[in-house]
Amino acid sequence: MRQPIARENIVEAAFRILDEAGLEGITLRKVACSLGIRAPSLYWHFKSKQALIDAMADAMICDVARVIPDGQPWRQTLLQIGREFRLAFKARRDGARVYAGTFLATENVLRVGEASIAALMGAGAPAGFAATAAMDLVYYTMGFVIEEQSWPGDGSMEALGEAFMALAEARFPHCWQARDVWSEVDFDARFEQGLGLMLDGIALRLSRAS
């Protein structure tokens, strides 16, 4: 008698399809076929595609905020968590899109939230502000990586860049002065700048509160 398929094996099969075909390519039928079983067999673990996506989202962040050094300053902790989220999302095709729109109550999600909130409350932030700032950090990182993973990464943007430069030079002088930003795409630098701006704002709010 064949043993029931393990939940972890289903999630891993879904990740393989994700990396090959993207988020739109995932269906319960495809996942079942890749495992050599029928789709109804998956319903023991996942009642819908969204339930499977939720499990994938949770699995992606299993290493985020796993190790937070004792006594680490709040800013360094949030930098660490933001960077680890980005790495987790980028590890899979459409990873940030998989996580977007999921609302989970799991050990992984609460561990990350606990680490972020504890760091901010330890710096004097009220619990409510600490919680919303922690969520904003995730939202920023998620939105950034969605754009990052959507970037073609080939010569297809060349024509768009030429049209942008021509229009900026002719009619939009401030965009023209900042043209180097549009012509050179450095996602690492842009992510760090945006993350730094967010943390500067949190630091300002903390200084006012104290």
N, C-alpha and C. Protein backbone atom coordinates (compact mmCIF):
# COMPACT_ATOMS: atom_id res chain seq x y z
N MET A 1 0.84 -1.19 0.00
CA MET A 1 0.00 0.00 0.00
C MET A 1 0.89 1.25 0.00
N ARG A 2 0.56 2.17 -0.89
CA ARG A 2 1.38 3.37 -1.02
C ARG A 2 1.18 4.30 0.17
N GLN A 3 2.29 4.85 0.68
CA GLN A 3 2.23 5.77 1.81
C GLN A 3 1.70 7.14 1.35
N PRO A 4 0.92 7.81 2.20
CA PRO A 4 0.44 9.15 1.85
C PRO A 4 1.60 10.09 1.59
N ILE A 5 1.42 10.99 0.64
CA ILE A 5 2.46 11.95 0.31
C ILE A 5 2.61 12.94 1.46
N ALA A 6 3.85 13.29 1.80
CA ALA A 6 4.11 14.21 2.90
C ALA A 6 3.85 15.65 2.46
N ARG A 7 3.39 16.46 3.38
CA ARG A 7 3.11 17.88 3.11
C ARG A 7 4.36 18.58 2.58
N GLU A 8 5.51 18.31 3.18
CA GLU A 8 6.75 18.96 2.78
C GLU A 8 7.11 18.62 1.33
N ASN A 9 6.83 17.39 0.91
CA ASN A 9 7.12 16.99 -0.47
C ASN A 9 6.23 17.73 -1.46
N ILE A 10 5.00 17.99 -1.06
CA ILE A 10 4.09 18.74 -1.93
C ILE A 10 4.59 20.17 -2.11
N VAL A 11 4.99 20.79 -1.00
CA VAL A 11 5.49 22.16 -1.07
C VAL A 11 6.74 22.24 -1.93
N GLU A 12 7.64 21.29 -1.78
CA GLU A 12 8.86 21.29 -2.58
C GLU A 12 8.56 21.10 -4.06
N ALA A 13 7.60 20.25 -4.37
CA ALA A 13 7.19 20.07 -5.77
C ALA A 13 6.62 21.36 -6.34
N ALA A 14 5.85 22.06 -5.53
CA ALA A 14 5.29 23.34 -5.96
C ALA A 14 6.40 24.36 -6.21
N PHE A 15 7.43 24.35 -5.40
CA PHE A 15 8.55 25.25 -5.62
C PHE A 15 9.26 24.95 -6.93
N ARG A 16 9.39 23.68 -7.27
CA ARG A 16 10.04 23.34 -8.53
C ARG A 16 9.24 23.88 -9.71
N ILE A 17 7.93 23.78 -9.64
CA ILE A 17 7.08 24.31 -10.71
C ILE A 17 7.17 25.83 -10.72
N LEU A 18 7.21 26.45 -9.55
CA LEU A 18 7.34 27.90 -9.47
C LEU A 18 8.60 28.37 -10.18
N ASP A 19 9.71 27.72 -9.90
CA ASP A 19 10.98 28.14 -10.50
C ASP A 19 10.99 27.93 -12.01
N GLU A 20 10.23 26.95 -12.48
CA GLU A 20 10.19 26.67 -13.92
C GLU A 20 9.17 27.53 -14.66
N ALA A 21 8.00 27.74 -14.05
CA ALA A 21 6.89 28.35 -14.78
C ALA A 21 6.34 29.62 -14.16
N GLY A 22 6.84 30.02 -13.00
CA GLY A 22 6.33 31.21 -12.35
C GLY A 22 5.05 30.95 -11.59
N LEU A 23 4.57 31.99 -10.92
CA LEU A 23 3.41 31.84 -10.04
C LEU A 23 2.17 31.39 -10.81
N GLU A 24 1.97 31.94 -12.01
CA GLU A 24 0.79 31.57 -12.77
C GLU A 24 0.82 30.11 -13.21
N GLY A 25 2.00 29.51 -13.22
CA GLY A 25 2.11 28.12 -13.67
C GLY A 25 1.76 27.09 -12.62
N ILE A 26 1.52 27.52 -11.41
CA ILE A 26 1.22 26.57 -10.33
C ILE A 26 -0.27 26.23 -10.31
N THR A 27 -0.58 24.96 -10.41
CA THR A 27 -1.93 24.46 -10.18
C THR A 27 -1.81 23.19 -9.35
N LEU A 28 -2.87 22.85 -8.64
CA LEU A 28 -2.84 21.62 -7.86
C LEU A 28 -2.67 20.41 -8.77
N ARG A 29 -3.26 20.49 -9.97
CA ARG A 29 -3.15 19.37 -10.90
C ARG A 29 -1.69 19.17 -11.33
N LYS A 30 -1.00 20.27 -11.63
CA LYS A 30 0.40 20.17 -12.05
C LYS A 30 1.27 19.62 -10.92
N VAL A 31 1.02 20.10 -9.72
CA VAL A 31 1.80 19.61 -8.58
C VAL A 31 1.56 18.12 -8.38
N ALA A 32 0.31 17.70 -8.47
CA ALA A 32 -0.01 16.29 -8.30
C ALA A 32 0.66 15.44 -9.38
N CYS A 33 0.60 15.90 -10.63
CA CYS A 33 1.21 15.15 -11.73
C CYS A 33 2.72 15.01 -11.54
N SER A 34 3.34 16.07 -11.04
CA SER A 34 4.79 16.01 -10.83
C SER A 34 5.17 15.00 -9.75
N LEU A 35 4.22 14.70 -8.88
CA LEU A 35 4.46 13.73 -7.80
C LEU A 35 3.94 12.34 -8.16
N GLY A 36 3.31 12.22 -9.32
CA GLY A 36 2.78 10.92 -9.74
C GLY A 36 1.53 10.51 -9.01
N ILE A 37 0.74 11.49 -8.57
CA ILE A 37 -0.51 11.19 -7.86
C ILE A 37 -1.64 11.99 -8.49
N ARG A 38 -2.85 11.75 -8.03
CA ARG A 38 -4.00 12.51 -8.51
C ARG A 38 -4.23 13.73 -7.63
N ALA A 39 -4.79 14.77 -8.24
CA ALA A 39 -5.02 16.03 -7.52
C ALA A 39 -5.82 15.85 -6.22
N PRO A 40 -6.88 15.02 -6.19
CA PRO A 40 -7.63 14.87 -4.93
C PRO A 40 -6.77 14.41 -3.75
N SER A 41 -5.64 13.74 -4.05
CA SER A 41 -4.76 13.30 -2.97
C SER A 41 -4.13 14.47 -2.23
N LEU A 42 -4.03 15.62 -2.92
CA LEU A 42 -3.45 16.79 -2.28
C LEU A 42 -4.39 17.44 -1.28
N TYR A 43 -5.69 17.18 -1.45
CA TYR A 43 -6.68 17.87 -0.62
C TYR A 43 -6.61 17.48 0.85
N TRP A 44 -5.93 16.38 1.16
CA TRP A 44 -5.72 16.03 2.56
C TRP A 44 -4.90 17.12 3.26
N HIS A 45 -4.01 17.74 2.48
CA HIS A 45 -3.13 18.77 3.04
C HIS A 45 -3.54 20.18 2.65
N PHE A 46 -4.02 20.38 1.44
CA PHE A 46 -4.32 21.72 0.94
C PHE A 46 -5.68 21.71 0.25
N LYS A 47 -6.59 22.50 0.78
CA LYS A 47 -7.95 22.52 0.24
C LYS A 47 -8.07 23.37 -1.01
N SER A 48 -7.05 24.20 -1.28
CA SER A 48 -7.11 25.10 -2.43
C SER A 48 -5.70 25.48 -2.85
N LYS A 49 -5.60 26.10 -4.01
CA LYS A 49 -4.30 26.60 -4.45
C LYS A 49 -3.78 27.65 -3.48
N GLN A 50 -4.65 28.50 -2.96
CA GLN A 50 -4.21 29.53 -2.03
C GLN A 50 -3.61 28.93 -0.76
N ALA A 51 -4.20 27.85 -0.30
CA ALA A 51 -3.64 27.18 0.88
C ALA A 51 -2.23 26.67 0.60
N LEU A 52 -2.00 26.19 -0.61
CA LEU A 52 -0.66 25.74 -0.99
C LEU A 52 0.29 26.92 -1.08
N ILE A 53 -0.17 28.03 -1.68
CA ILE A 53 0.66 29.23 -1.77
C ILE A 53 1.03 29.74 -0.38
N ASP A 54 0.06 29.68 0.54
CA ASP A 54 0.34 30.10 1.92
C ASP A 54 1.47 29.26 2.53
N ALA A 55 1.42 27.97 2.29
CA ALA A 55 2.46 27.08 2.83
C ALA A 55 3.81 27.38 2.20
N MET A 56 3.81 27.71 0.91
CA MET A 56 5.06 28.07 0.24
C MET A 56 5.62 29.37 0.82
N ALA A 57 4.74 30.34 1.03
CA ALA A 57 5.17 31.62 1.59
C ALA A 57 5.79 31.41 2.97
N ASP A 58 5.16 30.57 3.77
CA ASP A 58 5.69 30.30 5.10
C ASP A 58 7.04 29.61 5.03
N ALA A 59 7.18 28.66 4.11
CA ALA A 59 8.44 27.93 3.98
C ALA A 59 9.57 28.85 3.53
N MET A 60 9.26 29.84 2.71
CA MET A 60 10.29 30.73 2.20
C MET A 60 10.99 31.51 3.31
N ILE A 61 10.27 31.83 4.37
CA ILE A 61 10.86 32.68 5.41
C ILE A 61 11.33 31.89 6.62
N CYS A 62 11.56 30.60 6.43
CA CYS A 62 11.91 29.75 7.57
C CYS A 62 13.24 30.15 8.21
N ASP A 63 14.11 30.84 7.47
CA ASP A 63 15.41 31.23 8.02
C ASP A 63 15.49 32.71 8.38
N VAL A 64 14.43 33.47 8.15
CA VAL A 64 14.47 34.89 8.45
C VAL A 64 14.38 35.10 9.96
N ALA A 65 15.26 35.93 10.48
CA ALA A 65 15.30 36.24 11.92
C ALA A 65 15.48 34.99 12.76
N ARG A 66 16.11 33.99 12.21
CA ARG A 66 16.33 32.75 12.95
C ARG A 66 17.36 32.96 14.06
N VAL A 67 18.39 33.77 13.78
CA VAL A 67 19.44 34.03 14.77
C VAL A 67 19.62 35.54 14.87
N ILE A 68 19.21 36.11 16.00
CA ILE A 68 19.41 37.52 16.29
C ILE A 68 20.42 37.63 17.43
N PRO A 69 21.58 38.21 17.19
CA PRO A 69 22.60 38.28 18.26
C PRO A 69 22.08 39.01 19.49
N ASP A 70 22.41 38.51 20.64
CA ASP A 70 22.03 39.16 21.90
C ASP A 70 22.61 40.56 21.97
N GLY A 71 21.79 41.50 22.38
CA GLY A 71 22.27 42.86 22.55
C GLY A 71 22.46 43.64 21.28
N GLN A 72 22.06 43.09 20.16
CA GLN A 72 22.23 43.81 18.88
C GLN A 72 21.33 45.05 18.86
N PRO A 73 21.84 46.22 18.44
CA PRO A 73 21.02 47.42 18.38
C PRO A 73 19.81 47.24 17.46
N TRP A 74 18.74 47.96 17.76
CA TRP A 74 17.51 47.80 17.00
C TRP A 74 17.70 48.04 15.51
N ARG A 75 18.48 49.04 15.16
CA ARG A 75 18.67 49.35 13.74
C ARG A 75 19.34 48.18 13.01
N GLN A 76 20.35 47.60 13.62
CA GLN A 76 21.03 46.47 12.99
C GLN A 76 20.11 45.26 12.88
N THR A 77 19.24 45.09 13.87
CA THR A 77 18.29 43.97 13.81
C THR A 77 17.32 44.15 12.65
N LEU A 78 16.79 45.35 12.46
CA LEU A 78 15.87 45.58 11.35
C LEU A 78 16.58 45.52 10.00
N LEU A 79 17.82 45.99 9.94
CA LEU A 79 18.60 45.81 8.72
C LEU A 79 18.76 44.32 8.39
N GLN A 80 19.09 43.54 9.40
CA GLN A 80 19.26 42.11 9.20
C GLN A 80 17.98 41.47 8.69
N ILE A 81 16.86 41.81 9.32
CA ILE A 81 15.59 41.20 8.93
C ILE A 81 15.18 41.62 7.52
N GLY A 82 15.35 42.90 7.20
CA GLY A 82 15.02 43.35 5.85
C GLY A 82 15.86 42.65 4.81
N ARG A 83 17.14 42.54 5.06
CA ARG A 83 18.04 41.87 4.10
C ARG A 83 17.72 40.39 3.98
N GLU A 84 17.41 39.75 5.10
CA GLU A 84 17.08 38.32 5.04
C GLU A 84 15.77 38.07 4.32
N PHE A 85 14.79 38.97 4.49
CA PHE A 85 13.56 38.86 3.72
C PHE A 85 13.86 38.96 2.22
N ARG A 86 14.67 39.92 1.85
CA ARG A 86 14.99 40.09 0.42
C ARG A 86 15.65 38.84 -0.14
N LEU A 87 16.61 38.30 0.59
CA LEU A 87 17.27 37.07 0.13
C LEU A 87 16.28 35.92 0.00
N ALA A 88 15.37 35.82 0.96
CA ALA A 88 14.38 34.74 0.92
C ALA A 88 13.46 34.88 -0.29
N PHE A 89 13.00 36.10 -0.56
CA PHE A 89 12.12 36.32 -1.70
C PHE A 89 12.85 36.06 -3.02
N LYS A 90 14.10 36.50 -3.10
CA LYS A 90 14.86 36.35 -4.35
C LYS A 90 15.31 34.92 -4.61
N ALA A 91 15.26 34.08 -3.60
CA ALA A 91 15.71 32.70 -3.76
C ALA A 91 14.79 31.90 -4.68
N ARG A 92 13.58 32.40 -4.90
CA ARG A 92 12.60 31.71 -5.74
C ARG A 92 12.06 32.64 -6.81
N ARG A 93 11.80 32.11 -7.98
CA ARG A 93 11.15 32.90 -9.01
C ARG A 93 9.80 33.39 -8.48
N ASP A 94 9.52 34.67 -8.67
CA ASP A 94 8.27 35.26 -8.19
C ASP A 94 8.10 35.12 -6.68
N GLY A 95 9.22 35.01 -5.96
CA GLY A 95 9.13 34.77 -4.52
C GLY A 95 8.35 35.84 -3.78
N ALA A 96 8.59 37.11 -4.12
CA ALA A 96 7.88 38.19 -3.43
C ALA A 96 6.40 38.17 -3.77
N ARG A 97 6.06 37.80 -4.99
CA ARG A 97 4.65 37.71 -5.38
C ARG A 97 3.96 36.55 -4.66
N VAL A 98 4.69 35.49 -4.40
CA VAL A 98 4.12 34.38 -3.64
C VAL A 98 3.73 34.86 -2.24
N TYR A 99 4.60 35.65 -1.64
CA TYR A 99 4.36 36.10 -0.26
C TYR A 99 3.28 37.18 -0.20
N ALA A 100 3.17 38.00 -1.24
CA ALA A 100 2.20 39.09 -1.24
C ALA A 100 0.78 38.54 -1.16
N GLY A 101 -0.02 39.13 -0.30
CA GLY A 101 -1.41 38.71 -0.19
C GLY A 101 -1.65 37.50 0.69
N THR A 102 -0.60 36.99 1.30
CA THR A 102 -0.78 35.89 2.25
C THR A 102 -0.88 36.46 3.66
N PHE A 103 -1.75 35.89 4.45
CA PHE A 103 -1.95 36.35 5.83
C PHE A 103 -1.88 35.11 6.71
N LEU A 104 -0.73 34.95 7.37
CA LEU A 104 -0.42 33.68 8.03
C LEU A 104 -0.28 33.84 9.53
N ALA A 105 -0.69 32.83 10.24
CA ALA A 105 -0.47 32.74 11.68
C ALA A 105 0.37 31.49 11.92
N THR A 106 1.69 31.63 11.73
CA THR A 106 2.60 30.50 11.85
C THR A 106 3.77 30.86 12.74
N GLU A 107 4.52 29.86 13.12
CA GLU A 107 5.72 30.07 13.93
C GLU A 107 6.70 31.00 13.22
N ASN A 108 6.89 30.79 11.93
CA ASN A 108 7.85 31.62 11.19
C ASN A 108 7.44 33.09 11.20
N VAL A 109 6.18 33.35 10.89
CA VAL A 109 5.70 34.74 10.83
C VAL A 109 5.80 35.40 12.20
N LEU A 110 5.35 34.71 13.23
CA LEU A 110 5.37 35.29 14.57
C LEU A 110 6.79 35.44 15.10
N ARG A 111 7.70 34.55 14.72
CA ARG A 111 9.09 34.69 15.15
C ARG A 111 9.69 35.98 14.59
N VAL A 112 9.46 36.22 13.30
CA VAL A 112 9.98 37.43 12.68
C VAL A 112 9.35 38.67 13.30
N GLY A 113 8.03 38.63 13.48
CA GLY A 113 7.36 39.76 14.11
C GLY A 113 7.86 40.01 15.51
N GLU A 114 8.04 38.96 16.27
CA GLU A 114 8.53 39.09 17.64
C GLU A 114 9.91 39.74 17.67
N ALA A 115 10.79 39.32 16.77
CA ALA A 115 12.14 39.87 16.74
C ALA A 115 12.13 41.36 16.41
N SER A 116 11.31 41.74 15.44
CA SER A 116 11.24 43.15 15.03
C SER A 116 10.63 44.01 16.13
N ILE A 117 9.51 43.56 16.67
CA ILE A 117 8.81 44.34 17.70
C ILE A 117 9.65 44.46 18.95
N ALA A 118 10.28 43.35 19.35
CA ALA A 118 11.13 43.38 20.55
C ALA A 118 12.27 44.37 20.39
N ALA A 119 12.88 44.41 19.19
CA ALA A 119 14.00 45.33 18.96
C ALA A 119 13.55 46.77 19.10
N LEU A 120 12.39 47.09 18.55
CA LEU A 120 11.90 48.47 18.60
C LEU A 120 11.40 48.85 19.99
N MET A 121 10.71 47.94 20.64
CA MET A 121 10.24 48.24 22.00
C MET A 121 11.42 48.39 22.96
N GLY A 122 12.46 47.62 22.70
CA GLY A 122 13.66 47.75 23.53
C GLY A 122 14.32 49.11 23.37
N ALA A 123 14.04 49.78 22.23
CA ALA A 123 14.58 51.11 21.98
C ALA A 123 13.62 52.20 22.43
N GLY A 124 12.48 51.80 23.04
CA GLY A 124 11.55 52.77 23.57
C GLY A 124 10.30 52.99 22.77
N ALA A 125 10.08 52.23 21.71
CA ALA A 125 8.89 52.41 20.88
C ALA A 125 7.67 51.80 21.56
N PRO A 126 6.50 52.44 21.46
CA PRO A 126 5.27 51.80 21.93
C PRO A 126 4.98 50.55 21.10
N ALA A 127 4.24 49.63 21.69
CA ALA A 127 3.98 48.35 21.01
C ALA A 127 3.29 48.55 19.67
N GLY A 128 2.31 49.45 19.60
CA GLY A 128 1.58 49.66 18.36
C GLY A 128 2.47 50.18 17.25
N PHE A 129 3.30 51.17 17.57
CA PHE A 129 4.23 51.70 16.56
C PHE A 129 5.24 50.65 16.14
N ALA A 130 5.75 49.89 17.10
CA ALA A 130 6.73 48.85 16.79
C ALA A 130 6.13 47.82 15.83
N ALA A 131 4.88 47.44 16.05
CA ALA A 131 4.24 46.42 15.20
C ALA A 131 4.01 46.94 13.79
N THR A 132 3.49 48.18 13.66
CA THR A 132 3.23 48.71 12.32
C THR A 132 4.54 48.98 11.57
N ALA A 133 5.57 49.43 12.28
CA ALA A 133 6.86 49.64 11.63
C ALA A 133 7.44 48.32 11.14
N ALA A 134 7.26 47.25 11.91
CA ALA A 134 7.73 45.92 11.50
C ALA A 134 7.01 45.47 10.23
N MET A 135 5.71 45.72 10.16
CA MET A 135 4.96 45.36 8.95
C MET A 135 5.39 46.21 7.76
N ASP A 136 5.63 47.50 8.00
CA ASP A 136 6.07 48.38 6.92
C ASP A 136 7.40 47.91 6.34
N LEU A 137 8.27 47.39 7.18
CA LEU A 137 9.55 46.87 6.71
C LEU A 137 9.34 45.72 5.73
N VAL A 138 8.41 44.84 6.07
CA VAL A 138 8.11 43.71 5.18
C VAL A 138 7.48 44.21 3.88
N TYR A 139 6.55 45.16 3.99
CA TYR A 139 5.89 45.68 2.80
C TYR A 139 6.89 46.34 1.85
N TYR A 140 7.79 47.13 2.41
CA TYR A 140 8.80 47.77 1.57
C TYR A 140 9.64 46.72 0.84
N THR A 141 10.13 45.75 1.59
CA THR A 141 11.00 44.73 1.00
C THR A 141 10.25 43.92 -0.05
N MET A 142 9.03 43.56 0.25
CA MET A 142 8.23 42.76 -0.68
C MET A 142 7.98 43.53 -1.98
N GLY A 143 7.55 44.79 -1.86
CA GLY A 143 7.30 45.59 -3.06
C GLY A 143 8.56 45.81 -3.86
N PHE A 144 9.67 46.05 -3.19
CA PHE A 144 10.93 46.26 -3.88
C PHE A 144 11.32 45.02 -4.69
N VAL A 145 11.21 43.86 -4.07
CA VAL A 145 11.64 42.64 -4.76
C VAL A 145 10.68 42.28 -5.89
N ILE A 146 9.39 42.60 -5.76
CA ILE A 146 8.47 42.38 -6.88
C ILE A 146 8.96 43.15 -8.10
N GLU A 147 9.34 44.42 -7.91
CA GLU A 147 9.88 45.21 -9.01
C GLU A 147 11.20 44.62 -9.49
N GLU A 148 12.05 44.24 -8.55
CA GLU A 148 13.37 43.70 -8.90
C GLU A 148 13.24 42.43 -9.73
N GLN A 149 12.34 41.55 -9.32
CA GLN A 149 12.18 40.29 -10.05
C GLN A 149 11.44 40.46 -11.37
N SER A 150 10.79 41.61 -11.55
CA SER A 150 10.10 41.88 -12.81
C SER A 150 11.01 42.51 -13.85
N TRP A 151 12.19 42.94 -13.45
CA TRP A 151 13.11 43.61 -14.36
C TRP A 151 13.57 42.63 -15.44
N PRO A 152 13.47 43.01 -16.72
CA PRO A 152 13.81 42.06 -17.80
C PRO A 152 15.24 41.57 -17.76
N GLY A 153 16.17 42.46 -17.40
CA GLY A 153 17.56 42.02 -17.30
C GLY A 153 18.23 41.76 -18.63
N ASP A 154 17.66 42.25 -19.71
CA ASP A 154 18.27 42.08 -21.03
C ASP A 154 18.20 43.42 -21.77
N GLY A 155 18.35 43.39 -23.08
CA GLY A 155 18.36 44.62 -23.85
C GLY A 155 17.00 45.17 -24.20
N SER A 156 15.94 44.55 -23.69
CA SER A 156 14.59 44.97 -24.07
C SER A 156 14.23 46.34 -23.53
N MET A 157 14.97 46.84 -22.52
CA MET A 157 14.67 48.14 -21.94
C MET A 157 15.44 49.26 -22.65
N GLU A 158 16.27 48.90 -23.60
CA GLU A 158 17.12 49.91 -24.24
C GLU A 158 16.29 50.97 -24.96
N ALA A 159 15.30 50.53 -25.73
CA ALA A 159 14.46 51.47 -26.46
C ALA A 159 13.69 52.37 -25.51
N LEU A 160 13.17 51.78 -24.42
CA LEU A 160 12.45 52.57 -23.43
C LEU A 160 13.37 53.60 -22.81
N GLY A 161 14.62 53.21 -22.53
CA GLY A 161 15.57 54.14 -21.96
C GLY A 161 15.87 55.30 -22.87
N GLU A 162 15.98 55.03 -24.16
CA GLU A 162 16.24 56.09 -25.13
C GLU A 162 15.07 57.06 -25.19
N ALA A 163 13.84 56.53 -25.18
CA ALA A 163 12.66 57.39 -25.21
C ALA A 163 12.57 58.22 -23.93
N PHE A 164 12.90 57.61 -22.80
CA PHE A 164 12.88 58.31 -21.51
C PHE A 164 13.86 59.48 -21.53
N MET A 165 15.08 59.22 -22.00
CA MET A 165 16.10 60.26 -22.02
C MET A 165 15.72 61.41 -22.94
N ALA A 166 15.18 61.07 -24.09
CA ALA A 166 14.80 62.11 -25.04
C ALA A 166 13.70 63.00 -24.48
N LEU A 167 12.70 62.37 -23.85
CA LEU A 167 11.59 63.14 -23.29
C LEU A 167 12.05 63.96 -22.09
N ALA A 168 12.90 63.36 -21.26
CA ALA A 168 13.41 64.10 -20.10
C ALA A 168 14.22 65.32 -20.52
N GLU A 169 15.08 65.14 -21.50
CA GLU A 169 15.92 66.25 -21.96
C GLU A 169 15.07 67.37 -22.55
N ALA A 170 14.00 67.00 -23.23
CA ALA A 170 13.18 67.99 -23.92
C ALA A 170 12.23 68.73 -22.98
N ARG A 171 11.70 68.03 -21.96
CA ARG A 171 10.59 68.64 -21.21
C ARG A 171 10.68 68.56 -19.70
N PHE A 172 11.53 67.69 -19.17
CA PHE A 172 11.53 67.47 -17.72
C PHE A 172 12.95 67.62 -17.17
N PRO A 173 13.33 68.86 -16.85
CA PRO A 173 14.74 69.15 -16.52
C PRO A 173 15.25 68.45 -15.26
N HIS A 174 14.40 68.26 -14.26
CA HIS A 174 14.88 67.59 -13.04
C HIS A 174 15.12 66.10 -13.29
N CYS A 175 14.25 65.50 -14.06
CA CYS A 175 14.50 64.10 -14.45
C CYS A 175 15.78 64.00 -15.27
N TRP A 176 16.02 64.98 -16.09
CA TRP A 176 17.23 64.98 -16.90
C TRP A 176 18.48 65.08 -16.02
N GLN A 177 18.42 65.93 -14.99
CA GLN A 177 19.56 66.06 -14.09
C GLN A 177 19.84 64.75 -13.35
N ALA A 178 18.80 63.95 -13.12
CA ALA A 178 18.95 62.68 -12.41
C ALA A 178 19.07 61.49 -13.37
N ARG A 179 19.44 61.75 -14.60
CA ARG A 179 19.40 60.71 -15.64
C ARG A 179 20.29 59.51 -15.34
N ASP A 180 21.38 59.74 -14.60
CA ASP A 180 22.28 58.61 -14.29
C ASP A 180 21.56 57.54 -13.48
N VAL A 181 20.59 57.95 -12.66
CA VAL A 181 19.84 56.98 -11.86
C VAL A 181 19.03 56.06 -12.77
N TRP A 182 18.47 56.63 -13.82
CA TRP A 182 17.62 55.83 -14.71
C TRP A 182 18.44 54.95 -15.64
N SER A 183 19.66 55.39 -15.94
CA SER A 183 20.46 54.63 -16.91
C SER A 183 21.24 53.49 -16.29
N GLU A 184 21.47 53.55 -14.98
CA GLU A 184 22.21 52.49 -14.31
C GLU A 184 21.35 51.87 -13.21
N VAL A 185 21.05 50.61 -13.36
CA VAL A 185 20.19 49.93 -12.40
C VAL A 185 21.06 49.16 -11.40
N ASP A 186 21.06 49.62 -10.17
CA ASP A 186 21.80 48.95 -9.10
C ASP A 186 20.81 48.65 -7.99
N PHE A 187 20.20 47.47 -8.05
CA PHE A 187 19.15 47.14 -7.09
C PHE A 187 19.69 47.03 -5.67
N ASP A 188 20.90 46.55 -5.52
CA ASP A 188 21.46 46.43 -4.17
C ASP A 188 21.56 47.81 -3.52
N ALA A 189 22.12 48.77 -4.26
CA ALA A 189 22.28 50.11 -3.71
C ALA A 189 20.92 50.77 -3.43
N ARG A 190 19.98 50.57 -4.34
CA ARG A 190 18.66 51.17 -4.17
C ARG A 190 17.93 50.58 -2.96
N PHE A 191 18.06 49.28 -2.79
CA PHE A 191 17.41 48.64 -1.65
C PHE A 191 17.98 49.18 -0.35
N GLU A 192 19.30 49.25 -0.27
CA GLU A 192 19.94 49.72 0.95
C GLU A 192 19.57 51.18 1.23
N GLN A 193 19.48 52.00 0.18
CA GLN A 193 19.11 53.40 0.40
C GLN A 193 17.68 53.50 0.93
N GLY A 194 16.76 52.77 0.32
CA GLY A 194 15.37 52.82 0.79
C GLY A 194 15.22 52.29 2.19
N LEU A 195 15.92 51.22 2.49
CA LEU A 195 15.87 50.65 3.83
C LEU A 195 16.45 51.64 4.84
N GLY A 196 17.54 52.30 4.46
CA GLY A 196 18.15 53.28 5.35
C GLY A 196 17.23 54.46 5.62
N LEU A 197 16.52 54.91 4.57
CA LEU A 197 15.58 56.01 4.75
C LEU A 197 14.46 55.63 5.72
N MET A 198 13.97 54.40 5.60
CA MET A 198 12.92 53.94 6.50
C MET A 198 13.42 53.91 7.94
N LEU A 199 14.61 53.39 8.13
CA LEU A 199 15.15 53.30 9.49
C LEU A 199 15.50 54.67 10.05
N ASP A 200 15.91 55.60 9.19
CA ASP A 200 16.13 56.98 9.65
C ASP A 200 14.83 57.58 10.18
N GLY A 201 13.73 57.30 9.48
CA GLY A 201 12.43 57.80 9.93
C GLY A 201 12.03 57.20 11.27
N ILE A 202 12.28 55.91 11.43
CA ILE A 202 11.98 55.25 12.71
C ILE A 202 12.83 55.87 13.82
N ALA A 203 14.12 56.10 13.53
CA ALA A 203 15.00 56.69 14.53
C ALA A 203 14.53 58.08 14.93
N LEU A 204 14.05 58.85 13.97
CA LEU A 204 13.53 60.19 14.28
C LEU A 204 12.31 60.10 15.18
N ARG A 205 11.41 59.17 14.87
CA ARG A 205 10.22 58.99 15.71
C ARG A 205 10.60 58.55 17.13
N LEU A 206 11.58 57.68 17.24
CA LEU A 206 12.03 57.24 18.57
C LEU A 206 12.64 58.39 19.35
N SER A 207 13.40 59.24 18.67
CA SER A 207 14.03 60.37 19.37
C SER A 207 12.98 61.36 19.86
N ARG A 208 11.92 61.55 19.10
CA ARG A 208 10.85 62.45 19.53
C ARG A 208 10.10 61.87 20.72
N ALA A 209 9.89 60.56 20.69
CA ALA A 209 9.16 59.91 21.78
C ALA A 209 9.94 59.98 23.10
N SER A 210 11.27 59.94 22.99
CA SER A 210 12.07 59.93 24.22
C SER A 210 12.28 61.33 24.76
